[in-house]
Protein backbone atom coordinates (compact mmCIF):
# COMPACT_ATOMS: atom_id res chain seq x y z
CA MET A 1 -49.36 0.97 -24.96
CA ILE A 2 -47.25 -1.90 -23.78
CA GLY A 3 -47.84 -2.82 -20.13
CA ILE A 4 -44.78 -3.85 -17.99
CA THR A 5 -45.37 -6.99 -15.87
CA ARG A 6 -43.39 -7.11 -12.60
CA ASN A 7 -42.06 -10.35 -11.44
CA PRO A 8 -42.74 -10.76 -7.60
CA SER A 9 -39.97 -13.68 -7.49
CA ARG A 10 -37.50 -11.40 -8.92
CA ARG A 11 -38.26 -8.73 -6.50
CA ARG A 12 -37.99 -11.18 -3.57
CA ALA A 13 -34.53 -12.40 -4.97
CA VAL A 14 -33.18 -8.79 -5.18
CA LYS A 15 -34.53 -7.83 -1.65
CA SER A 16 -32.92 -11.08 -0.41
CA ILE A 17 -29.60 -10.28 -1.97
CA LYS A 18 -29.65 -6.65 -0.55
CA GLU A 19 -30.55 -7.87 2.96
CA GLY A 20 -27.84 -10.34 2.82
CA THR A 21 -25.15 -7.87 1.82
CA GLU A 22 -26.23 -5.47 4.55
CA ALA A 23 -26.00 -8.26 7.16
CA ARG A 24 -22.50 -9.12 6.03
CA VAL A 25 -21.60 -5.39 6.30
CA GLN A 26 -23.09 -5.22 9.91
CA LEU A 27 -21.29 -8.32 10.77
CA ARG A 28 -17.90 -7.01 9.62
CA ASP A 29 -18.53 -3.70 11.49
CA ARG A 30 -19.48 -5.73 14.67
CA LYS A 31 -16.34 -7.77 14.39
CA ARG A 32 -14.15 -4.53 13.97
CA ILE A 33 -15.56 -2.82 16.97
CA THR A 34 -15.35 -5.97 19.13
CA GLY A 35 -11.59 -6.16 18.19
CA MET A 36 -11.19 -2.53 19.08
CA LYS A 37 -12.83 -3.37 22.54
CA GLY A 38 -10.33 -6.04 23.00
CA ILE A 39 -7.48 -3.78 22.40
CA LEU A 40 -8.83 -1.09 24.80
CA TYR A 41 -9.33 -3.54 27.66
CA ARG A 42 -6.00 -4.80 27.32
CA ILE A 43 -4.81 -1.11 27.83
CA GLY A 44 -6.31 -1.14 31.33
CA ILE A 45 -6.21 2.57 32.09
CA GLY A 46 -5.09 2.51 35.78
CA SER A 47 -5.55 5.00 38.40
CA LEU A 48 -4.04 8.47 37.54
CA ILE A 49 -2.94 7.30 34.15
CA LEU A 50 -3.67 10.05 31.76
CA LEU A 51 -3.90 8.58 28.21
CA LEU A 52 -3.23 11.11 25.57
CA THR A 53 -5.81 10.76 22.75
CA ALA A 54 -5.80 12.23 19.21
CA LEU A 55 -9.56 11.97 18.69
CA GLY A 56 -9.68 10.56 15.26
CA GLU A 57 -7.04 12.76 13.82
CA PRO A 58 -3.83 11.25 12.68
CA VAL A 59 -2.00 12.75 15.70
CA MET A 60 -3.11 15.88 17.37
CA GLY A 61 0.14 16.51 18.92
CA THR A 62 3.25 18.42 17.84
CA VAL A 63 6.88 18.41 19.02
CA SER A 64 9.34 21.32 19.36
CA LEU A 65 12.44 21.20 21.13
CA LEU A 66 13.51 24.14 23.13
CA GLY A 67 17.11 22.71 23.04
CA THR A 68 19.07 21.05 20.31
CA VAL A 69 19.07 17.45 21.31
CA PRO A 70 15.91 15.39 20.20
CA LEU A 71 14.87 12.82 22.59
CA SER A 72 14.89 10.06 19.98
CA ARG A 73 18.71 10.48 19.76
CA GLY A 74 19.43 10.36 23.24
CA PHE A 75 18.47 12.08 26.57
CA SER A 76 20.07 14.95 28.18
CA HIS A 77 19.14 15.78 31.82
CA GLY A 78 18.34 19.53 32.13
CA GLN A 79 17.77 19.91 28.50
CA ARG A 80 14.47 21.73 27.64
CA TYR A 81 11.98 19.77 25.68
CA ARG A 82 8.47 21.32 24.69
CA ILE A 83 6.07 18.58 23.57
CA ASN A 84 2.53 20.03 22.77
CA PHE A 85 -0.57 17.87 22.67
CA VAL A 86 -4.40 18.52 22.41
CA ASP A 87 -6.25 16.07 24.57
CA VAL A 88 -9.74 14.29 24.18
CA ASP A 89 -11.41 17.30 25.74
CA GLY A 90 -9.76 19.67 23.54
CA ASN A 91 -7.27 21.01 26.12
CA SER A 92 -3.96 22.24 25.08
CA LEU A 93 -1.19 20.58 27.02
CA SER A 94 2.60 20.94 27.06
CA THR A 95 5.46 19.53 29.00
CA ALA A 96 6.75 23.09 29.36
CA ASP A 97 3.55 24.95 30.52
CA GLY A 98 4.33 25.54 34.16
CA HIS A 99 3.55 21.87 35.41
CA VAL A 100 5.73 19.21 36.77
CA THR A 101 4.87 16.52 34.14
CA VAL A 102 5.09 12.83 34.40
CA LEU A 103 4.94 11.40 31.11
CA VAL A 104 4.65 7.68 30.53
CA LEU A 105 5.22 6.11 27.14
CA MET A 106 3.60 2.75 26.60
CA THR A 107 2.05 0.30 24.32
CA PRO A 108 -1.19 -1.66 25.13
CA GLU A 109 0.85 -4.52 26.44
CA ASP A 110 2.34 -2.29 29.22
CA ARG A 111 -0.91 -2.16 31.10
CA GLU A 112 0.37 -3.36 34.42
CA LYS A 113 3.51 -1.13 34.20
CA ALA A 114 1.50 1.88 33.44
CA ARG A 115 -0.98 1.16 36.26
CA SER A 116 1.84 0.79 38.84
CA ILE A 117 3.11 4.38 37.91
CA GLY A 118 -0.18 5.73 38.81
CA ASP A 119 -0.27 3.76 42.05
CA ARG A 120 3.14 5.01 43.05
CA ALA A 121 2.37 8.76 42.46
CA PRO A 122 2.89 10.70 45.67
CA ASP A 123 -0.27 11.56 47.43
CA TYR A 124 0.58 15.23 47.32
CA CYS A 125 0.33 14.98 43.55
CA LEU A 126 -3.35 13.96 43.73
CA GLY A 127 -5.53 16.76 42.47
CA ASN A 128 -2.67 19.23 42.84
CA PRO A 129 -2.78 21.55 39.67
CA SER A 130 1.06 21.88 39.76
CA TYR A 131 1.52 18.29 38.97
CA ARG A 132 0.29 16.41 35.67
CA MET A 133 0.69 12.88 34.51
CA ILE A 134 0.21 12.18 30.82
CA THR A 135 0.51 8.69 29.12
CA VAL A 136 1.32 8.36 25.33
CA LEU A 137 -0.39 5.33 24.15
CA ASN A 138 1.71 3.87 21.21
CA PHE A 139 -0.35 1.69 19.02
CA THR A 140 1.87 -0.79 17.27
CA ARG A 141 -0.63 -1.69 14.40
CA ARG A 142 -1.68 1.04 12.09
CA ARG A 143 -5.42 1.71 11.73
CA THR A 144 -7.69 3.43 9.32
CA GLN A 145 -9.50 6.58 10.17
CA ILE A 146 -12.58 4.62 10.89
CA GLY A 147 -10.70 2.26 13.28
CA ARG A 148 -9.01 5.40 15.19
CA ASN A 149 -12.61 6.88 15.58
CA VAL A 150 -13.85 3.57 17.19
CA VAL A 151 -10.87 3.36 19.47
CA THR A 152 -11.33 7.03 20.39
CA MET A 153 -15.06 6.40 21.41
CA LEU A 154 -14.10 3.35 23.63
CA VAL A 155 -11.22 5.34 25.15
CA ARG A 156 -13.53 8.11 26.14
CA HIS A 157 -15.98 5.69 27.66
CA GLN A 158 -13.14 3.98 29.54
CA LEU A 159 -11.76 7.44 30.88
CA ASP A 160 -15.31 8.10 32.34
CA GLU A 161 -15.29 4.66 34.06
CA GLU A 162 -11.59 5.12 35.23
CA ALA A 163 -12.58 8.61 36.70
CA LYS A 164 -14.92 6.93 39.02
CA ARG A 165 -12.05 5.04 40.65
CA LEU A 166 -9.81 8.14 40.80
CA GLN A 167 -12.83 9.96 42.26
CA ALA A 168 -12.84 7.43 45.11
CA ARG A 169 -9.18 8.00 45.83
CA TYR A 170 -9.83 11.71 45.85
CA ASN A 171 -12.79 11.30 48.27
CA GLU A 172 -10.64 9.20 50.55
CA LYS A 173 -8.07 11.85 50.67
CA LYS A 174 -10.86 14.58 51.06
CA ILE A 175 -9.91 16.18 47.85
CA ALA A 176 -12.68 18.41 46.55
CA ARG A 177 -12.04 18.10 42.89
CA ASP A 178 -13.54 16.39 39.91
CA ALA A 179 -11.29 13.46 38.99
CA ARG A 180 -12.36 13.36 35.45
CA SER A 181 -10.81 16.83 34.77
CA ASP A 182 -7.56 15.58 35.90
CA ILE A 183 -7.52 12.82 33.14
CA TYR A 184 -5.90 13.88 29.95
CA THR A 185 -5.50 11.46 26.98
CA VAL A 186 -3.46 11.08 23.71
CA THR A 187 -3.05 7.90 21.53
CA ASP A 188 -0.21 7.95 19.01
CA PHE A 189 -1.64 5.95 15.98
CA ASP A 190 1.32 6.58 13.57
CA GLY A 191 4.36 6.68 15.89
CA THR A 192 5.08 10.44 15.31
CA ILE A 193 5.03 11.31 19.08
CA SER A 194 6.52 8.07 20.33
CA SER A 195 9.62 8.44 18.14
CA GLN A 196 10.32 11.85 19.62
CA LEU A 197 10.31 10.04 23.03
CA GLY A 198 12.95 7.57 22.00
CA ALA A 199 10.85 4.67 20.72
CA GLU A 200 12.95 3.72 17.63
CA SER A 201 10.55 1.13 16.68
CA ALA A 202 6.61 0.77 17.30
CA ALA A 203 7.23 -2.39 19.44
CA ALA A 204 10.00 -0.87 21.63
CA GLY A 205 8.92 1.69 23.81
CA PHE A 206 8.11 1.80 27.49
CA GLY A 207 9.54 4.89 29.15
CA VAL A 208 8.82 7.24 32.01
CA PHE A 209 9.90 10.86 31.72
CA VAL A 210 9.64 13.68 34.40
CA PHE A 211 9.91 17.20 32.99
CA GLY A 212 10.10 20.32 35.02
CA ARG A 213 7.92 23.49 34.68
CA ASN A 214 9.88 24.84 31.82
CA GLY A 215 10.13 21.55 30.11
CA GLU A 216 13.62 20.64 31.52
CA LEU A 217 14.20 16.86 31.50
CA LEU A 218 14.60 15.89 35.35
CA GLN A 219 14.55 12.12 35.09
CA HIS A 220 14.03 9.27 32.85
CA TRP A 221 13.45 5.47 33.14
CA ASP A 222 13.32 2.68 30.90
CA ASP A 223 11.25 0.63 33.36
CA VAL A 224 8.93 1.32 36.18
CA PRO A 225 10.73 3.41 38.95
CA SER A 226 10.16 2.74 42.71
CA ALA A 227 7.80 4.94 44.63
CA GLN A 228 10.92 6.56 46.35
CA GLU A 229 12.61 7.25 42.86
CA LEU A 230 9.31 8.73 41.36
CA ALA A 231 8.80 10.97 44.43
CA SER A 232 12.35 12.19 44.54
CA ALA A 233 12.19 13.14 40.83
CA VAL A 234 8.94 15.19 41.00
CA LYS A 235 9.39 17.12 44.52
């Protein structure tokens, strides 16, 4: 019988190559996650900003128009639009489900604009189940499924932190309600939803929409409305 002599030096070399490969993979993944964190922090989820999130799916949102004029081709005040979403917590949401809905379409670069919308929301909307604010976050760069999952994880964490700020506002107004339950979130990774809201390109697209309880479009702005304009539209 012929014996097989193992070469310790060869084993060490193979082990070294394997460890080096694993280290490079880990470094690549860390860089990817760090990049995602930077994107999320630039979003800056402000008070009352309800980011809509697709939770690792291409887009967990569908659009059906009760009328005949799609938003992407022009806006018609009084026209009914039903836009359906499933949020990060699995809640089914719609612009025509009996709520007055303020919907903000934004890119990560619109952080300050989106924050100001939340700050200008009337006090009577805070914790009021008749009102809902939703923000569609339009990512301008396409991502892999892994990238989407990482972004989703970071968004969830950031929403938990943002809920603490909103809860302080609730406490100040003596609103006995869990602020986290009022935060609904959808990210649009492929532009499907954003295109239905008038964003002809991924880079173009800040808008504020107010929908009535049956999905009728009450008001629309291409920039941040004043507190008075917003209050007048949602009353």
